[in-house]
Amino acid sequence: MKIIIVGAGKIGELLCKDLASEGNDITLIEQNAKILDRVLSSSDIMGIMGNGANCDILTEANVKACDVFIAVTQSDEINIISSVMAKKLGAKYSIARVRNPEYFTQMQFMSESLGIDAMLNPEAESAYCIAKNLEFPTALNVETFSSNKVNIVELMVEENSYLDGLKLIDFKKNKNFKGILVCIVKRGKDIYIPTGNFVLQAKDKIYVTGIQSDLSNFYKSLGHVEERIKSVVIVGGGRITYYLTSILLERKIDVKIIELNEDRAKKLSETFENAIVVHGNGTDSDLLEEERFDKYDACVSLTGIDEENIIISMYANKKGIKKNITKINGISLFNVLELVGLQSIVTPKKIVADNI
């Protein structure tokens, strides 16, 4: 496919690498010459320096012949304008990244009235991902497909569970799991696409897929019936927290937010009357002890600093909190995560790039 990407920020750069590696014809439009040169040097793509909301620049990029147009600059307005212009100029499909919470409730209206095929909000998408992970407390990760009808759940095979030593052909014989497929097994650094003769072992990471009802039955069969998350402490009060808190309060889950910035904490307190908002440093163990941190079912670390999020999640794990979710912006840090034993990891830019 011929794909035009506007903006070489975190998401734009990741999209260039991923989509180019799949053999697509990529053209990147970026205003900053240094950033453009850096991305071009690491990916086999074409580049044009300029404003993606400029008609001449879009014409130069041959937007009328593109299959997919993706606008992911730091400006919502530029993303919206350039996506509308691209459609008018002949692009078959357009996608705009829109982050402002004020636009969030109007996204469907703007998409339909302006002709933009898809509008994505990284923070909202991340909040949905976190909320989905909280539905399966012992799962390492949950991916959703087909409008939330099908999930892929990543689980660890625990010692002495009925999965330990189980041959997959016997797994399929269980009438309760006919709709469940073990599609991938990760054993150490090795990845397997298992056949019926594959035997599961303790500490294997398995990826199982199926519809929501079948997965729920399978999950309960592992002994996780009474582990529904009833309370969540969120450290960091950014945009993801705004969307996540809305979802959790709708589900009648108790929410406590710890935010260092006083103005932001005050705004969150005014917005969410049913949530407890604490102004303070989420890495301060004395404050966490005072707020009865270890009494919560789940901890979600959403500060703007990866290292702080890792430390908070490690501390939560030590305190016995059963579900820990960590926001990591730097993908390069993934190489060391096995060393610290983090449970579930969320990377907003990767979530949006994968969705696109």
Protein backbone atom coordinates (compact mmCIF):
# COMPACT_ATOMS: atom_id res chain seq x y z
CA MET A 1 0.00 0.00 0.00
CA LYS A 2 0.98 3.62 -0.48
CA ILE A 3 0.83 5.31 2.94
CA ILE A 4 1.45 8.96 3.83
CA ILE A 5 2.32 9.79 7.45
CA VAL A 6 2.29 13.36 8.76
CA GLY A 7 4.39 13.94 11.87
CA ALA A 8 7.57 12.14 12.96
CA GLY A 9 6.95 12.14 16.71
CA LYS A 10 6.91 9.00 18.85
CA ILE A 11 3.92 7.45 17.08
CA GLY A 12 4.93 8.64 13.61
CA GLU A 13 8.44 7.22 13.90
CA LEU A 14 7.15 3.89 15.18
CA LEU A 15 4.60 3.70 12.35
CA CYS A 16 7.29 4.42 9.75
CA LYS A 17 9.43 1.52 11.00
CA ASP A 18 6.57 -0.94 11.41
CA LEU A 19 4.77 -0.21 8.15
CA ALA A 20 7.97 0.02 6.08
CA SER A 21 9.14 -3.34 7.45
CA GLU A 22 5.91 -4.86 6.06
CA GLY A 23 6.79 -3.70 2.54
CA ASN A 24 4.52 -0.67 2.29
CA ASP A 25 5.44 2.44 0.27
CA ILE A 26 5.81 5.12 2.95
CA THR A 27 6.08 8.90 2.54
CA LEU A 28 6.74 10.93 5.71
CA ILE A 29 5.88 14.64 5.98
CA GLU A 30 7.67 16.47 8.81
CA GLN A 31 8.45 20.16 9.44
CA ASN A 32 11.63 19.65 11.47
CA ALA A 33 14.55 18.88 9.14
CA LYS A 34 16.70 17.20 11.84
CA ILE A 35 13.90 14.89 12.94
CA LEU A 36 13.05 14.06 9.34
CA ASP A 37 16.69 13.18 8.53
CA ARG A 38 16.96 10.98 11.62
CA VAL A 39 13.87 8.95 10.75
CA LEU A 40 14.85 8.66 7.08
CA SER A 41 18.29 7.35 8.06
CA SER A 42 16.76 4.47 10.05
CA SER A 43 13.87 3.50 7.74
CA ASP A 44 13.55 2.79 4.02
CA ILE A 45 11.00 5.53 3.29
CA MET A 46 10.56 8.78 1.33
CA GLY A 47 10.49 12.14 3.11
CA ILE A 48 9.12 15.64 2.46
CA MET A 49 9.87 18.60 4.70
CA GLY A 50 6.85 20.81 5.27
CA ASN A 51 3.47 21.35 6.89
CA GLY A 52 1.05 18.46 6.47
CA ALA A 53 -1.87 20.91 6.39
CA ASN A 54 -0.44 22.67 3.33
CA CYS A 55 -2.21 21.78 0.08
CA ASP A 56 0.98 22.14 -2.00
CA ILE A 57 2.89 19.78 0.31
CA LEU A 58 0.09 17.20 0.12
CA THR A 59 0.02 17.48 -3.66
CA GLU A 60 3.80 17.02 -3.78
CA ALA A 61 3.38 13.85 -1.69
CA ASN A 62 0.88 12.62 -4.30
CA VAL A 63 -1.88 12.24 -1.74
CA LYS A 64 -4.46 11.55 -4.44
CA ALA A 65 -2.81 8.17 -5.06
CA CYS A 66 -2.40 7.12 -1.42
CA ASP A 67 -4.32 4.24 0.12
CA VAL A 68 -3.99 5.42 3.73
CA PHE A 69 -3.29 8.91 5.10
CA ILE A 70 -2.23 9.12 8.77
CA ALA A 71 -1.85 12.43 10.65
CA VAL A 72 -0.10 12.07 14.02
CA THR A 73 1.51 15.47 14.71
CA GLN A 74 1.48 17.06 18.17
CA SER A 75 -1.38 19.36 17.07
CA ASP A 76 -4.93 17.99 17.00
CA GLU A 77 -6.03 20.80 14.75
CA ILE A 78 -3.32 20.12 12.14
CA ASN A 79 -4.19 16.41 12.22
CA ILE A 80 -7.87 17.13 11.65
CA ILE A 81 -7.29 19.73 8.91
CA SER A 82 -4.70 17.67 7.04
CA SER A 83 -6.91 14.55 7.18
CA VAL A 84 -9.89 16.46 5.78
CA MET A 85 -7.73 17.94 3.00
CA ALA A 86 -6.27 14.53 2.17
CA LYS A 87 -9.74 13.05 1.72
CA LYS A 88 -10.78 15.96 -0.47
CA LEU A 89 -7.64 15.46 -2.58
CA GLY A 90 -8.39 11.78 -3.15
CA ALA A 91 -6.91 9.72 -0.27
CA LYS A 92 -8.86 6.49 0.10
CA TYR A 93 -8.68 6.28 3.91
CA SER A 94 -7.66 8.85 6.50
CA ILE A 95 -6.73 8.58 10.19
CA ALA A 96 -6.20 11.47 12.62
CA ARG A 97 -4.75 11.38 16.12
CA VAL A 98 -6.82 13.60 18.44
CA ARG A 99 -5.75 13.92 22.10
CA ASN A 100 -7.70 16.85 23.56
CA PRO A 101 -10.32 15.57 26.06
CA GLU A 102 -12.64 18.41 24.95
CA TYR A 103 -12.82 16.83 21.49
CA PHE A 104 -13.33 13.31 22.85
CA THR A 105 -17.13 13.43 23.17
CA GLN A 106 -17.41 14.93 19.68
CA MET A 107 -15.13 12.48 17.86
CA GLN A 108 -17.90 10.48 16.21
CA PHE A 109 -19.66 13.65 15.07
CA MET A 110 -16.44 15.14 13.70
CA SER A 111 -15.50 11.90 12.01
CA GLU A 112 -18.85 11.59 10.26
CA SER A 113 -19.29 15.25 9.35
CA LEU A 114 -15.69 15.89 8.26
CA GLY A 115 -15.23 12.63 6.41
CA ILE A 116 -12.29 11.36 8.49
CA ASP A 117 -12.43 7.56 8.55
CA ALA A 118 -10.88 7.05 12.00
CA MET A 119 -9.95 9.34 14.90
CA LEU A 120 -7.72 7.86 17.59
CA ASN A 121 -6.95 9.16 21.06
CA PRO A 122 -3.76 7.56 22.54
CA GLU A 123 -4.72 8.28 26.13
CA ALA A 124 -8.28 7.01 25.74
CA GLU A 125 -7.05 3.89 23.92
CA SER A 126 -4.55 3.29 26.74
CA ALA A 127 -7.30 3.70 29.36
CA TYR A 128 -9.45 1.11 27.58
CA CYS A 129 -6.46 -1.25 27.45
CA ILE A 130 -5.82 -0.82 31.19
CA ALA A 131 -9.49 -1.32 32.02
CA LYS A 132 -9.54 -4.52 29.96
CA ASN A 133 -6.47 -5.79 31.82
CA LEU A 134 -8.19 -5.15 35.14
CA GLU A 135 -10.96 -7.57 34.12
CA PHE A 136 -8.42 -10.42 34.30
CA PRO A 137 -6.36 -9.68 37.45
CA THR A 138 -3.78 -12.46 37.01
CA ALA A 139 -3.39 -11.98 33.25
CA LEU A 140 -0.16 -10.41 32.05
CA ASN A 141 -1.83 -8.68 29.12
CA VAL A 142 -5.15 -8.51 27.27
CA GLU A 143 -5.62 -7.61 23.60
CA THR A 144 -9.08 -6.93 22.16
CA PHE A 145 -10.35 -7.51 18.60
CA SER A 146 -13.60 -7.43 16.62
CA SER A 147 -15.23 -4.60 18.57
CA ASN A 148 -14.50 -6.16 21.99
CA LYS A 149 -15.99 -9.54 20.98
CA VAL A 150 -12.71 -11.47 20.96
CA ASN A 151 -9.74 -11.21 23.33
CA ILE A 152 -6.22 -12.60 23.46
CA VAL A 153 -5.18 -13.07 27.10
CA GLU A 154 -1.57 -13.63 28.17
CA LEU A 155 -1.24 -15.84 31.26
CA MET A 156 1.56 -17.47 33.23
CA VAL A 157 1.28 -21.21 33.83
CA GLU A 158 1.57 -21.57 37.59
CA GLU A 159 3.23 -24.50 39.32
CA ASN A 160 0.82 -27.26 40.42
CA SER A 161 -2.04 -25.81 38.32
CA TYR A 162 -3.87 -28.27 36.06
CA LEU A 163 -2.15 -26.61 33.07
CA ASP A 164 1.30 -27.62 34.35
CA GLY A 165 2.21 -30.77 32.39
CA LEU A 166 -0.98 -30.72 30.32
CA LYS A 167 -0.83 -31.85 26.68
CA LEU A 168 -2.82 -29.44 24.50
CA ILE A 169 -4.76 -32.24 22.81
CA ASP A 170 -6.14 -33.11 26.27
CA PHE A 171 -6.92 -29.43 26.83
CA LYS A 172 -9.15 -29.46 23.73
CA LYS A 173 -10.99 -32.55 24.98
CA ASN A 174 -12.46 -30.53 27.84
CA LYS A 175 -15.94 -29.59 26.60
CA ASN A 176 -15.83 -26.33 28.58
CA PHE A 177 -12.87 -25.07 26.54
CA LYS A 178 -13.97 -25.90 22.98
CA GLY A 179 -14.03 -22.20 22.12
CA ILE A 180 -10.55 -21.56 23.56
CA LEU A 181 -7.36 -21.72 21.48
CA VAL A 182 -3.83 -21.67 22.89
CA CYS A 183 -2.24 -19.86 19.96
CA ILE A 184 1.26 -19.00 21.26
CA VAL A 185 3.53 -20.29 24.03
CA LYS A 186 6.57 -18.35 25.22
CA ARG A 187 9.09 -20.48 27.15
CA GLY A 188 12.02 -18.37 28.27
CA LYS A 189 13.27 -16.69 25.10
CA ASP A 190 11.72 -19.31 22.79
CA ILE A 191 8.40 -18.80 20.99
CA TYR A 192 6.22 -21.76 19.95
CA ILE A 193 3.13 -22.11 17.78
CA PRO A 194 1.95 -25.24 19.62
CA THR A 195 0.45 -28.40 18.14
CA GLY A 196 -1.77 -30.87 19.99
CA ASN A 197 1.26 -32.78 21.28
CA PHE A 198 2.77 -29.71 22.95
CA VAL A 199 3.07 -30.11 26.74
CA LEU A 200 2.71 -26.99 28.89
CA GLN A 201 5.17 -26.35 31.71
CA ALA A 202 5.20 -24.13 34.78
CA LYS A 203 6.34 -20.56 34.04
CA ASP A 204 5.31 -20.82 30.38
CA LYS A 205 3.58 -17.67 29.13
CA ILE A 206 0.57 -18.74 27.09
CA TYR A 207 -1.59 -16.62 24.81
CA VAL A 208 -5.17 -17.87 24.67
CA THR A 209 -7.96 -16.48 22.51
CA GLY A 210 -11.73 -16.81 22.43
CA ILE A 211 -14.96 -14.93 22.95
CA GLN A 212 -15.53 -13.18 26.28
CA SER A 213 -17.80 -15.85 27.82
CA ASP A 214 -15.46 -18.75 26.98
CA LEU A 215 -12.43 -16.86 28.30
CA SER A 216 -14.28 -16.05 31.52
CA ASN A 217 -15.07 -19.75 32.07
CA PHE A 218 -11.47 -20.71 31.34
CA TYR A 219 -10.21 -18.01 33.68
CA LYS A 220 -12.51 -19.23 36.48
CA SER A 221 -11.28 -22.79 35.97
CA LEU A 222 -7.81 -21.61 36.99
CA GLY A 223 -9.17 -20.68 40.41
CA HIS A 224 -9.60 -16.96 39.84
CA VAL A 225 -13.35 -16.77 40.52
CA GLU A 226 -13.31 -14.29 43.39
CA GLU A 227 -10.53 -12.05 42.17
CA ARG A 228 -12.58 -9.23 40.71
CA ILE A 229 -10.86 -5.87 41.11
CA LYS A 230 -12.88 -3.70 43.51
CA SER A 231 -10.40 -0.90 44.27
CA VAL A 232 -7.64 0.82 42.27
CA VAL A 233 -4.98 3.34 43.23
CA ILE A 234 -3.67 5.43 40.33
CA VAL A 235 -0.36 7.27 40.68
CA GLY A 236 -0.22 10.20 38.25
CA GLY A 237 -3.09 12.41 37.16
CA GLY A 238 -2.59 12.92 33.42
CA ARG A 239 -4.95 12.38 30.51
CA ILE A 240 -4.94 8.58 30.77
CA THR A 241 -6.04 8.90 34.40
CA TYR A 242 -8.93 11.15 33.31
CA TYR A 243 -10.30 8.55 30.89
CA LEU A 244 -9.49 5.56 33.12
CA THR A 245 -11.19 7.06 36.17
CA SER A 246 -14.38 7.62 34.16
CA ILE A 247 -14.42 3.95 33.11
CA LEU A 248 -13.67 2.60 36.60
CA LEU A 249 -16.27 4.74 38.35
CA GLU A 250 -18.87 3.54 35.85
CA ARG A 251 -18.00 -0.01 36.92
CA LYS A 252 -18.50 0.93 40.60
CA ILE A 253 -14.79 0.45 41.37
CA ASP A 254 -13.28 2.51 44.21
CA VAL A 255 -10.61 4.87 42.84
CA LYS A 256 -7.86 6.81 44.59
CA ILE A 257 -5.61 9.16 42.57
CA ILE A 258 -2.24 10.43 43.82
CA GLU A 259 -0.99 13.47 41.88
CA LEU A 260 2.04 15.67 42.56
CA ASN A 261 0.80 18.77 40.73
CA GLU A 262 -1.59 20.68 43.00
CA ASP A 263 -3.61 22.35 40.23
CA ARG A 264 -4.09 19.07 38.39
CA ALA A 265 -5.07 17.29 41.61
CA LYS A 266 -7.62 20.00 42.35
CA LYS A 267 -9.09 19.76 38.85
CA LEU A 268 -9.39 15.97 39.09
CA SER A 269 -11.07 16.32 42.48
CA GLU A 270 -13.63 18.72 41.03
CA THR A 271 -14.24 16.51 37.99
CA PHE A 272 -14.62 13.20 39.83
CA GLU A 273 -16.62 13.67 43.03
CA ASN A 274 -16.75 9.92 43.70
CA ALA A 275 -12.98 9.44 43.50
CA ILE A 276 -10.48 10.21 46.27
CA VAL A 277 -7.75 12.57 45.00
CA VAL A 278 -4.58 13.04 47.05
CA HIS A 279 -2.06 15.80 46.40
CA GLY A 280 1.36 14.27 46.98
CA ASN A 281 4.37 12.38 45.63
CA GLY A 282 3.46 8.84 44.58
CA THR A 283 7.05 7.66 45.13
CA ASP A 284 6.99 8.73 48.80
CA SER A 285 6.65 5.49 50.81
CA ASP A 286 5.48 7.39 53.90
CA LEU A 287 2.62 8.93 51.93
CA LEU A 288 1.71 5.55 50.44
CA GLU A 289 1.66 3.98 53.88
CA GLU A 290 -0.51 6.81 55.16
CA GLU A 291 -2.96 6.28 52.28
CA ARG A 292 -3.18 2.52 53.03
CA PHE A 293 -1.62 1.76 49.64
CA ASP A 294 -1.36 -2.00 50.29
CA LYS A 295 -5.12 -2.34 50.87
CA TYR A 296 -5.96 -1.72 47.19
CA ASP A 297 -6.58 -4.56 44.72
CA ALA A 298 -4.70 -2.88 41.88
CA CYS A 299 -2.06 -0.21 41.29
CA VAL A 300 -1.74 1.68 38.00
CA SER A 301 1.45 3.75 37.62
CA LEU A 302 0.83 6.60 35.17
CA THR A 303 3.36 9.32 35.96
CA GLY A 304 5.27 10.97 33.12
CA ILE A 305 8.56 9.34 34.17
CA ASP A 306 9.16 5.69 33.23
CA GLU A 307 11.64 5.07 36.05
CA GLU A 308 9.15 6.31 38.65
CA ASN A 309 6.44 4.06 37.23
CA ILE A 310 8.75 1.03 37.41
CA ILE A 311 9.74 1.79 41.01
CA ILE A 312 6.10 2.30 42.08
CA SER A 313 5.04 -1.00 40.48
CA MET A 314 7.95 -2.85 42.11
CA TYR A 315 6.95 -1.39 45.47
CA ALA A 316 3.29 -2.34 44.89
CA ASN A 317 4.34 -5.88 44.04
CA LYS A 318 6.41 -6.07 47.23
CA LYS A 319 3.40 -4.87 49.24
CA GLY A 320 1.28 -7.69 47.85
CA ILE A 321 -1.02 -5.72 45.54
CA LYS A 322 -2.32 -8.43 43.21
CA LYS A 323 -2.56 -6.44 39.97
CA ASN A 324 0.08 -3.92 38.86
CA ILE A 325 -0.02 -2.03 35.57
CA THR A 326 2.92 0.13 34.51
CA LYS A 327 3.01 2.81 31.81
CA ILE A 328 6.30 2.74 29.90
CA ASN A 329 6.93 5.28 27.14
CA GLY A 330 10.48 4.18 26.25
CA ILE A 331 10.31 0.93 24.27
CA SER A 332 14.09 0.50 24.70
CA LEU A 333 13.44 -0.17 28.41
CA PHE A 334 11.62 -3.39 27.50
CA ASN A 335 14.97 -5.19 27.35
CA VAL A 336 15.42 -4.89 31.12
CA LEU A 337 11.83 -5.42 32.25
CA GLU A 338 12.30 -9.18 32.76
CA LEU A 339 14.81 -8.28 35.46
CA VAL A 340 12.35 -6.33 37.57
CA GLY A 341 9.39 -8.67 37.16
CA LEU A 342 6.77 -6.13 36.11
CA GLN A 343 3.31 -7.62 35.63
CA SER A 344 1.43 -5.70 32.92
CA ILE A 345 2.94 -2.96 30.75
CA VAL A 346 1.15 -0.26 28.76
CA THR A 347 2.85 1.86 26.08
CA PRO A 348 0.44 4.47 24.63
CA LYS A 349 2.34 5.10 21.40
CA LYS A 350 2.59 1.37 20.69
CA ILE A 351 -1.12 0.82 21.39
CA VAL A 352 -2.08 3.50 18.85
CA ALA A 353 0.49 2.35 16.30
CA ASP A 354 -0.78 -1.24 16.61
CA ASN A 355 -4.40 -0.08 16.24
CA ILE A 356 -3.53 1.86 13.10
